[in-house]
Amino acid sequence: MTAPLAVWRPTRAVFIRRTVMLTAISLLLLTLILLPFAYAVENWLVLLIGPVFVLLYASAFEDPSRWRSLRHDKWELEHDRLTYVGGETQLSIPLADITDARARFGWHVVLKLKSGMRAEMQFMRHPRLVATQILSTRNSMVI
């Protein structure tokens, strides 16, 4: 067995950046939605309810459990395949089956497969470079 060309893992810094960005956007949108209601009832404490729930949900429930489930994932690029290892799951994708690889939202790489399915590499430090390396390796395969 040969050494992989590249190995990628989810990055905690990217995960935290995503969490902060999505929480800030959620807080802003919720405040904008609650603002007319607070004005109508003339009670500005209403504006505190939504943000408190958003912060509690983001910091205590969804995001920490998501990170715990993904932090040990590993993607290995070999000459002819991309292998995913996560928990008890191992998946091997032949590079010939990958039709496209694109960076999404600045933290994910979405792989489109010939079968119509998609695979997602989450919380990558440099998603554009990861996608480029996968496609260039696929394109340089000797068939």
N, C-alpha and C. Protein backbone atom coordinates (compact mmCIF):
# COMPACT_ATOMS: atom_id res chain seq x y z
N MET A 1 0.84 -1.18 0.00
CA MET A 1 0.00 0.00 0.00
C MET A 1 0.89 1.25 0.00
N THR A 2 0.57 2.18 -0.84
CA THR A 2 1.36 3.41 -0.94
C THR A 2 0.81 4.47 0.00
N ALA A 3 1.64 5.43 0.30
CA ALA A 3 1.22 6.55 1.15
C ALA A 3 0.24 7.43 0.37
N PRO A 4 -0.75 8.00 1.06
CA PRO A 4 -1.70 8.89 0.38
C PRO A 4 -1.01 10.16 -0.12
N LEU A 5 -1.56 10.71 -1.19
CA LEU A 5 -1.04 11.97 -1.73
C LEU A 5 -1.35 13.14 -0.79
N ALA A 6 -2.50 13.07 -0.14
CA ALA A 6 -2.90 14.13 0.79
C ALA A 6 -3.87 13.54 1.81
N VAL A 7 -3.87 14.12 2.98
CA VAL A 7 -4.81 13.73 4.04
C VAL A 7 -5.44 15.01 4.57
N TRP A 8 -6.77 15.01 4.66
CA TRP A 8 -7.48 16.18 5.17
C TRP A 8 -8.36 15.76 6.34
N ARG A 9 -8.45 16.64 7.32
CA ARG A 9 -9.31 16.45 8.48
C ARG A 9 -10.09 17.75 8.73
N PRO A 10 -11.26 17.63 9.36
CA PRO A 10 -11.97 18.85 9.75
C PRO A 10 -11.10 19.67 10.71
N THR A 11 -11.20 20.97 10.61
CA THR A 11 -10.38 21.86 11.42
C THR A 11 -11.26 22.61 12.42
N ARG A 12 -10.85 22.59 13.68
CA ARG A 12 -11.64 23.24 14.73
C ARG A 12 -11.77 24.75 14.48
N ALA A 13 -10.72 25.40 14.02
CA ALA A 13 -10.79 26.85 13.77
C ALA A 13 -11.83 27.18 12.70
N VAL A 14 -11.91 26.36 11.67
CA VAL A 14 -12.91 26.57 10.61
C VAL A 14 -14.31 26.33 11.17
N PHE A 15 -14.45 25.30 11.99
CA PHE A 15 -15.73 25.00 12.62
C PHE A 15 -16.18 26.18 13.49
N ILE A 16 -15.28 26.74 14.30
CA ILE A 16 -15.62 27.87 15.16
C ILE A 16 -15.98 29.09 14.34
N ARG A 17 -15.22 29.35 13.26
CA ARG A 17 -15.53 30.48 12.37
C ARG A 17 -16.94 30.35 11.80
N ARG A 18 -17.29 29.16 11.35
CA ARG A 18 -18.62 28.91 10.80
C ARG A 18 -19.69 29.14 11.87
N THR A 19 -19.46 28.63 13.07
CA THR A 19 -20.42 28.78 14.16
C THR A 19 -20.65 30.24 14.49
N VAL A 20 -19.58 31.01 14.60
CA VAL A 20 -19.70 32.43 14.92
C VAL A 20 -20.45 33.17 13.80
N MET A 21 -20.10 32.88 12.56
CA MET A 21 -20.77 33.55 11.43
C MET A 21 -22.27 33.24 11.40
N LEU A 22 -22.62 31.96 11.53
CA LEU A 22 -24.03 31.59 11.46
C LEU A 22 -24.81 32.11 12.67
N THR A 23 -24.18 32.14 13.83
CA THR A 23 -24.85 32.67 15.01
C THR A 23 -25.09 34.17 14.85
N ALA A 24 -24.11 34.89 14.34
CA ALA A 24 -24.26 36.33 14.13
C ALA A 24 -25.37 36.63 13.12
N ILE A 25 -25.40 35.88 12.04
CA ILE A 25 -26.45 36.07 11.03
C ILE A 25 -27.82 35.75 11.62
N SER A 26 -27.92 34.68 12.39
CA SER A 26 -29.19 34.31 13.03
C SER A 26 -29.64 35.40 14.00
N LEU A 27 -28.72 35.93 14.79
CA LEU A 27 -29.06 36.99 15.73
C LEU A 27 -29.56 38.23 15.00
N LEU A 28 -28.89 38.60 13.94
CA LEU A 28 -29.30 39.78 13.17
C LEU A 28 -30.69 39.59 12.57
N LEU A 29 -30.91 38.44 11.92
CA LEU A 29 -32.22 38.20 11.30
C LEU A 29 -33.34 38.13 12.33
N LEU A 30 -33.10 37.47 13.44
CA LEU A 30 -34.12 37.37 14.48
C LEU A 30 -34.43 38.73 15.08
N THR A 31 -33.41 39.55 15.26
CA THR A 31 -33.63 40.90 15.79
C THR A 31 -34.47 41.72 14.81
N LEU A 32 -34.16 41.60 13.52
CA LEU A 32 -34.94 42.33 12.51
C LEU A 32 -36.39 41.86 12.46
N ILE A 33 -36.60 40.56 12.69
CA ILE A 33 -37.97 40.03 12.69
C ILE A 33 -38.73 40.48 13.94
N LEU A 34 -38.06 40.51 15.09
CA LEU A 34 -38.72 40.86 16.35
C LEU A 34 -38.87 42.36 16.55
N LEU A 35 -38.11 43.15 15.82
CA LEU A 35 -38.15 44.60 16.00
C LEU A 35 -39.55 45.20 15.81
N PRO A 36 -40.26 44.89 14.72
CA PRO A 36 -41.62 45.44 14.57
C PRO A 36 -42.57 44.98 15.68
N PHE A 37 -42.41 43.74 16.12
CA PHE A 37 -43.27 43.22 17.19
C PHE A 37 -42.99 43.98 18.49
N ALA A 38 -41.72 44.18 18.81
CA ALA A 38 -41.35 44.91 20.03
C ALA A 38 -41.88 46.34 19.97
N TYR A 39 -41.82 46.94 18.81
CA TYR A 39 -42.33 48.30 18.64
C TYR A 39 -43.84 48.33 18.83
N ALA A 40 -44.54 47.32 18.29
CA ALA A 40 -46.00 47.28 18.36
C ALA A 40 -46.49 47.10 19.80
N VAL A 41 -45.83 46.27 20.57
CA VAL A 41 -46.27 46.03 21.96
C VAL A 41 -45.59 46.98 22.95
N GLU A 42 -44.71 47.80 22.43
CA GLU A 42 -43.97 48.78 23.24
C GLU A 42 -43.25 48.11 24.43
N ASN A 43 -42.64 46.96 24.14
CA ASN A 43 -41.87 46.25 25.16
C ASN A 43 -40.58 45.79 24.49
N TRP A 44 -39.49 46.48 24.79
CA TRP A 44 -38.23 46.19 24.12
C TRP A 44 -37.54 44.96 24.67
N LEU A 45 -38.03 44.41 25.77
CA LEU A 45 -37.46 43.17 26.30
C LEU A 45 -37.71 41.98 25.36
N VAL A 46 -38.71 42.13 24.48
CA VAL A 46 -38.99 41.08 23.50
C VAL A 46 -37.76 40.81 22.64
N LEU A 47 -36.97 41.86 22.40
CA LEU A 47 -35.77 41.70 21.57
C LEU A 47 -34.72 40.81 22.23
N LEU A 48 -34.81 40.57 23.51
CA LEU A 48 -33.84 39.71 24.20
C LEU A 48 -34.19 38.22 24.09
N ILE A 49 -35.44 37.90 23.90
CA ILE A 49 -35.88 36.50 23.91
C ILE A 49 -35.23 35.71 22.78
N GLY A 50 -35.35 36.19 21.56
CA GLY A 50 -34.80 35.47 20.41
C GLY A 50 -33.30 35.27 20.49
N PRO A 51 -32.53 36.34 20.70
CA PRO A 51 -31.08 36.17 20.78
C PRO A 51 -30.62 35.22 21.87
N VAL A 52 -31.29 35.23 23.01
CA VAL A 52 -30.92 34.31 24.09
C VAL A 52 -31.11 32.87 23.63
N PHE A 53 -32.24 32.58 22.98
CA PHE A 53 -32.48 31.22 22.50
C PHE A 53 -31.49 30.82 21.41
N VAL A 54 -31.16 31.74 20.50
CA VAL A 54 -30.20 31.44 19.44
C VAL A 54 -28.84 31.11 20.05
N LEU A 55 -28.39 31.93 20.99
CA LEU A 55 -27.09 31.69 21.62
C LEU A 55 -27.07 30.39 22.41
N LEU A 56 -28.13 30.10 23.14
CA LEU A 56 -28.19 28.84 23.89
C LEU A 56 -28.16 27.63 22.96
N TYR A 57 -28.95 27.69 21.91
CA TYR A 57 -29.01 26.58 20.98
C TYR A 57 -27.67 26.36 20.29
N ALA A 58 -27.06 27.44 19.79
CA ALA A 58 -25.81 27.33 19.04
C ALA A 58 -24.66 26.88 19.93
N SER A 59 -24.61 27.39 21.14
CA SER A 59 -23.46 27.09 21.99
C SER A 59 -23.61 25.82 22.81
N ALA A 60 -24.82 25.40 23.09
CA ALA A 60 -25.00 24.27 24.00
C ALA A 60 -25.44 22.98 23.31
N PHE A 61 -26.10 23.07 22.17
CA PHE A 61 -26.68 21.85 21.62
C PHE A 61 -26.14 21.48 20.26
N GLU A 62 -26.54 22.19 19.23
CA GLU A 62 -26.26 21.77 17.86
C GLU A 62 -24.78 21.74 17.53
N ASP A 63 -24.08 22.80 17.75
CA ASP A 63 -22.71 22.89 17.29
C ASP A 63 -21.72 21.99 18.04
N PRO A 64 -21.74 21.93 19.37
CA PRO A 64 -20.79 21.03 20.04
C PRO A 64 -21.00 19.56 19.67
N SER A 65 -22.25 19.13 19.55
CA SER A 65 -22.48 17.73 19.19
C SER A 65 -22.07 17.46 17.75
N ARG A 66 -22.23 18.44 16.90
CA ARG A 66 -21.80 18.27 15.50
C ARG A 66 -20.28 18.14 15.42
N TRP A 67 -19.56 18.97 16.18
CA TRP A 67 -18.11 18.88 16.16
C TRP A 67 -17.64 17.54 16.72
N ARG A 68 -18.26 17.09 17.81
CA ARG A 68 -17.86 15.79 18.39
C ARG A 68 -18.04 14.66 17.41
N SER A 69 -19.06 14.73 16.56
CA SER A 69 -19.29 13.65 15.60
C SER A 69 -18.36 13.71 14.39
N LEU A 70 -17.77 14.87 14.12
CA LEU A 70 -16.94 15.04 12.91
C LEU A 70 -15.45 15.19 13.16
N ARG A 71 -15.05 15.43 14.38
CA ARG A 71 -13.65 15.82 14.63
C ARG A 71 -12.63 14.75 14.30
N HIS A 72 -13.03 13.49 14.23
CA HIS A 72 -12.08 12.43 13.92
C HIS A 72 -12.16 11.95 12.46
N ASP A 73 -12.99 12.63 11.65
CA ASP A 73 -13.09 12.26 10.24
C ASP A 73 -11.75 12.46 9.54
N LYS A 74 -11.54 11.65 8.51
CA LYS A 74 -10.29 11.77 7.74
C LYS A 74 -10.59 11.43 6.29
N TRP A 75 -10.06 12.24 5.40
CA TRP A 75 -10.15 12.01 3.96
C TRP A 75 -8.74 11.82 3.43
N GLU A 76 -8.52 10.72 2.69
CA GLU A 76 -7.20 10.43 2.12
C GLU A 76 -7.31 10.37 0.61
N LEU A 77 -6.49 11.17 -0.05
CA LEU A 77 -6.43 11.18 -1.51
C LEU A 77 -5.32 10.24 -1.95
N GLU A 78 -5.68 9.26 -2.76
CA GLU A 78 -4.70 8.34 -3.33
C GLU A 78 -4.69 8.56 -4.84
N HIS A 79 -3.84 7.83 -5.54
CA HIS A 79 -3.71 8.02 -6.99
C HIS A 79 -4.99 7.72 -7.76
N ASP A 80 -5.82 6.83 -7.23
CA ASP A 80 -7.01 6.43 -7.97
C ASP A 80 -8.31 6.55 -7.18
N ARG A 81 -8.22 6.97 -5.92
CA ARG A 81 -9.43 7.03 -5.10
C ARG A 81 -9.31 8.03 -3.97
N LEU A 82 -10.47 8.36 -3.44
CA LEU A 82 -10.58 9.22 -2.26
C LEU A 82 -11.25 8.38 -1.19
N THR A 83 -10.60 8.23 -0.06
CA THR A 83 -11.11 7.37 1.01
C THR A 83 -11.53 8.22 2.19
N TYR A 84 -12.73 7.92 2.70
CA TYR A 84 -13.26 8.59 3.89
C TYR A 84 -13.26 7.60 5.04
N VAL A 85 -12.75 8.02 6.18
CA VAL A 85 -12.80 7.21 7.39
C VAL A 85 -13.38 8.09 8.49
N GLY A 86 -14.51 7.66 9.04
CA GLY A 86 -15.16 8.42 10.10
C GLY A 86 -15.91 7.50 11.03
N GLY A 87 -15.48 7.46 12.28
CA GLY A 87 -16.11 6.55 13.23
C GLY A 87 -15.94 5.12 12.78
N GLU A 88 -17.03 4.41 12.63
CA GLU A 88 -16.99 3.03 12.15
C GLU A 88 -17.23 2.93 10.65
N THR A 89 -17.32 4.06 9.98
CA THR A 89 -17.61 4.10 8.55
C THR A 89 -16.34 4.31 7.75
N GLN A 90 -16.22 3.52 6.70
CA GLN A 90 -15.14 3.74 5.75
C GLN A 90 -15.74 3.65 4.36
N LEU A 91 -15.43 4.65 3.54
CA LEU A 91 -15.99 4.74 2.20
C LEU A 91 -14.87 5.05 1.24
N SER A 92 -14.84 4.34 0.12
CA SER A 92 -13.82 4.57 -0.89
C SER A 92 -14.51 5.00 -2.18
N ILE A 93 -14.13 6.18 -2.67
CA ILE A 93 -14.74 6.73 -3.88
C ILE A 93 -13.68 6.73 -4.98
N PRO A 94 -13.88 5.97 -6.05
CA PRO A 94 -12.93 6.04 -7.16
C PRO A 94 -12.91 7.45 -7.76
N LEU A 95 -11.74 7.96 -8.05
CA LEU A 95 -11.65 9.32 -8.61
C LEU A 95 -12.38 9.43 -9.94
N ALA A 96 -12.44 8.33 -10.68
CA ALA A 96 -13.15 8.34 -11.96
C ALA A 96 -14.65 8.59 -11.78
N ASP A 97 -15.18 8.33 -10.57
CA ASP A 97 -16.60 8.56 -10.30
C ASP A 97 -16.91 9.99 -9.87
N ILE A 98 -15.89 10.78 -9.62
CA ILE A 98 -16.10 12.17 -9.20
C ILE A 98 -16.19 13.05 -10.44
N THR A 99 -17.36 13.66 -10.63
CA THR A 99 -17.56 14.52 -11.80
C THR A 99 -17.18 15.97 -11.51
N ASP A 100 -17.28 16.37 -10.24
CA ASP A 100 -16.95 17.75 -9.89
C ASP A 100 -16.63 17.84 -8.40
N ALA A 101 -15.83 18.81 -8.04
CA ALA A 101 -15.51 19.11 -6.64
C ALA A 101 -15.48 20.62 -6.51
N ARG A 102 -16.27 21.15 -5.59
CA ARG A 102 -16.36 22.60 -5.43
C ARG A 102 -16.37 23.00 -3.97
N ALA A 103 -15.75 24.12 -3.70
CA ALA A 103 -15.78 24.70 -2.35
C ALA A 103 -17.13 25.37 -2.15
N ARG A 104 -17.69 25.18 -0.97
CA ARG A 104 -18.98 25.78 -0.63
C ARG A 104 -18.87 26.51 0.69
N PHE A 105 -19.35 27.74 0.72
CA PHE A 105 -19.46 28.55 1.94
C PHE A 105 -18.12 28.82 2.62
N GLY A 106 -17.01 28.50 2.00
CA GLY A 106 -15.72 28.77 2.62
C GLY A 106 -15.30 27.76 3.66
N TRP A 107 -16.05 26.65 3.80
CA TRP A 107 -15.65 25.64 4.77
C TRP A 107 -15.96 24.21 4.36
N HIS A 108 -16.66 24.00 3.27
CA HIS A 108 -16.98 22.64 2.82
C HIS A 108 -16.49 22.42 1.40
N VAL A 109 -16.27 21.15 1.06
CA VAL A 109 -16.02 20.75 -0.32
C VAL A 109 -17.12 19.76 -0.67
N VAL A 110 -17.85 20.04 -1.74
CA VAL A 110 -18.91 19.16 -2.20
C VAL A 110 -18.41 18.39 -3.41
N LEU A 111 -18.47 17.07 -3.32
CA LEU A 111 -18.06 16.19 -4.41
C LEU A 111 -19.31 15.68 -5.11
N LYS A 112 -19.40 15.88 -6.41
CA LYS A 112 -20.51 15.35 -7.19
C LYS A 112 -20.04 14.06 -7.85
N LEU A 113 -20.87 13.03 -7.75
CA LEU A 113 -20.50 11.73 -8.28
C LEU A 113 -21.34 11.39 -9.51
N LYS A 114 -20.83 10.48 -10.33
CA LYS A 114 -21.54 10.06 -11.55
C LYS A 114 -22.93 9.51 -11.24
N SER A 115 -23.08 8.89 -10.09
CA SER A 115 -24.36 8.30 -9.71
C SER A 115 -25.42 9.34 -9.38
N GLY A 116 -25.02 10.62 -9.31
CA GLY A 116 -25.94 11.68 -8.94
C GLY A 116 -25.88 12.01 -7.45
N MET A 117 -25.20 11.19 -6.70
CA MET A 117 -25.06 11.45 -5.26
C MET A 117 -23.99 12.51 -5.03
N ARG A 118 -23.95 13.01 -3.80
CA ARG A 118 -22.95 13.99 -3.41
C ARG A 118 -22.31 13.54 -2.10
N ALA A 119 -21.07 13.91 -1.93
CA ALA A 119 -20.37 13.70 -0.67
C ALA A 119 -19.84 15.06 -0.22
N GLU A 120 -19.80 15.26 1.08
CA GLU A 120 -19.38 16.56 1.60
C GLU A 120 -18.21 16.40 2.55
N MET A 121 -17.16 17.12 2.28
CA MET A 121 -15.99 17.18 3.15
C MET A 121 -16.16 18.45 3.98
N GLN A 122 -16.42 18.29 5.26
CA GLN A 122 -16.79 19.43 6.09
C GLN A 122 -15.61 20.04 6.84
N PHE A 123 -15.67 21.35 7.01
CA PHE A 123 -14.74 22.13 7.81
C PHE A 123 -13.29 22.01 7.36
N MET A 124 -13.08 22.08 6.06
CA MET A 124 -11.74 22.03 5.49
C MET A 124 -11.08 23.41 5.61
N ARG A 125 -9.81 23.43 5.92
CA ARG A 125 -9.08 24.70 6.11
C ARG A 125 -9.00 25.49 4.81
N HIS A 126 -8.69 24.86 3.70
CA HIS A 126 -8.58 25.53 2.40
C HIS A 126 -9.42 24.76 1.39
N PRO A 127 -10.73 24.93 1.40
CA PRO A 127 -11.60 24.10 0.55
C PRO A 127 -11.34 24.23 -0.95
N ARG A 128 -10.97 25.42 -1.41
CA ARG A 128 -10.69 25.57 -2.86
C ARG A 128 -9.47 24.76 -3.26
N LEU A 129 -8.45 24.78 -2.42
CA LEU A 129 -7.25 24.00 -2.72
C LEU A 129 -7.53 22.50 -2.67
N VAL A 130 -8.35 22.08 -1.73
CA VAL A 130 -8.72 20.67 -1.62
C VAL A 130 -9.45 20.23 -2.89
N ALA A 131 -10.44 21.02 -3.31
CA ALA A 131 -11.20 20.69 -4.52
C ALA A 131 -10.29 20.66 -5.74
N THR A 132 -9.40 21.64 -5.85
CA THR A 132 -8.47 21.69 -6.97
C THR A 132 -7.56 20.47 -6.99
N GLN A 133 -7.05 20.09 -5.84
CA GLN A 133 -6.14 18.94 -5.78
C GLN A 133 -6.86 17.64 -6.15
N ILE A 134 -8.09 17.48 -5.72
CA ILE A 134 -8.86 16.28 -6.06
C ILE A 134 -9.08 16.23 -7.57
N LEU A 135 -9.51 17.35 -8.15
CA LEU A 135 -9.77 17.36 -9.60
C LEU A 135 -8.50 17.19 -10.42
N SER A 136 -7.42 17.79 -9.99
CA SER A 136 -6.18 17.63 -10.77
C SER A 136 -5.65 16.21 -10.66
N THR A 137 -5.78 15.57 -9.52
CA THR A 137 -5.38 14.17 -9.39
C THR A 137 -6.26 13.28 -10.26
N ARG A 138 -7.56 13.55 -10.25
CA ARG A 138 -8.47 12.80 -11.12
C ARG A 138 -8.11 12.98 -12.58
N ASN A 139 -7.80 14.20 -12.98
CA ASN A 139 -7.49 14.48 -14.38
C ASN A 139 -6.13 13.88 -14.81
N SER A 140 -5.25 13.67 -13.87
CA SER A 140 -3.93 13.13 -14.22
C SER A 140 -3.88 11.60 -14.13
N MET A 141 -5.00 10.97 -13.81
CA MET A 141 -5.01 9.51 -13.72
C MET A 141 -4.71 8.89 -15.08
N VAL A 142 -3.91 7.84 -15.06
CA VAL A 142 -3.63 7.07 -16.28
C VAL A 142 -4.65 5.96 -16.33
N ILE A 143 -5.45 5.95 -17.37
CA ILE A 143 -6.52 4.94 -17.48
C ILE A 143 -6.08 3.82 -18.41
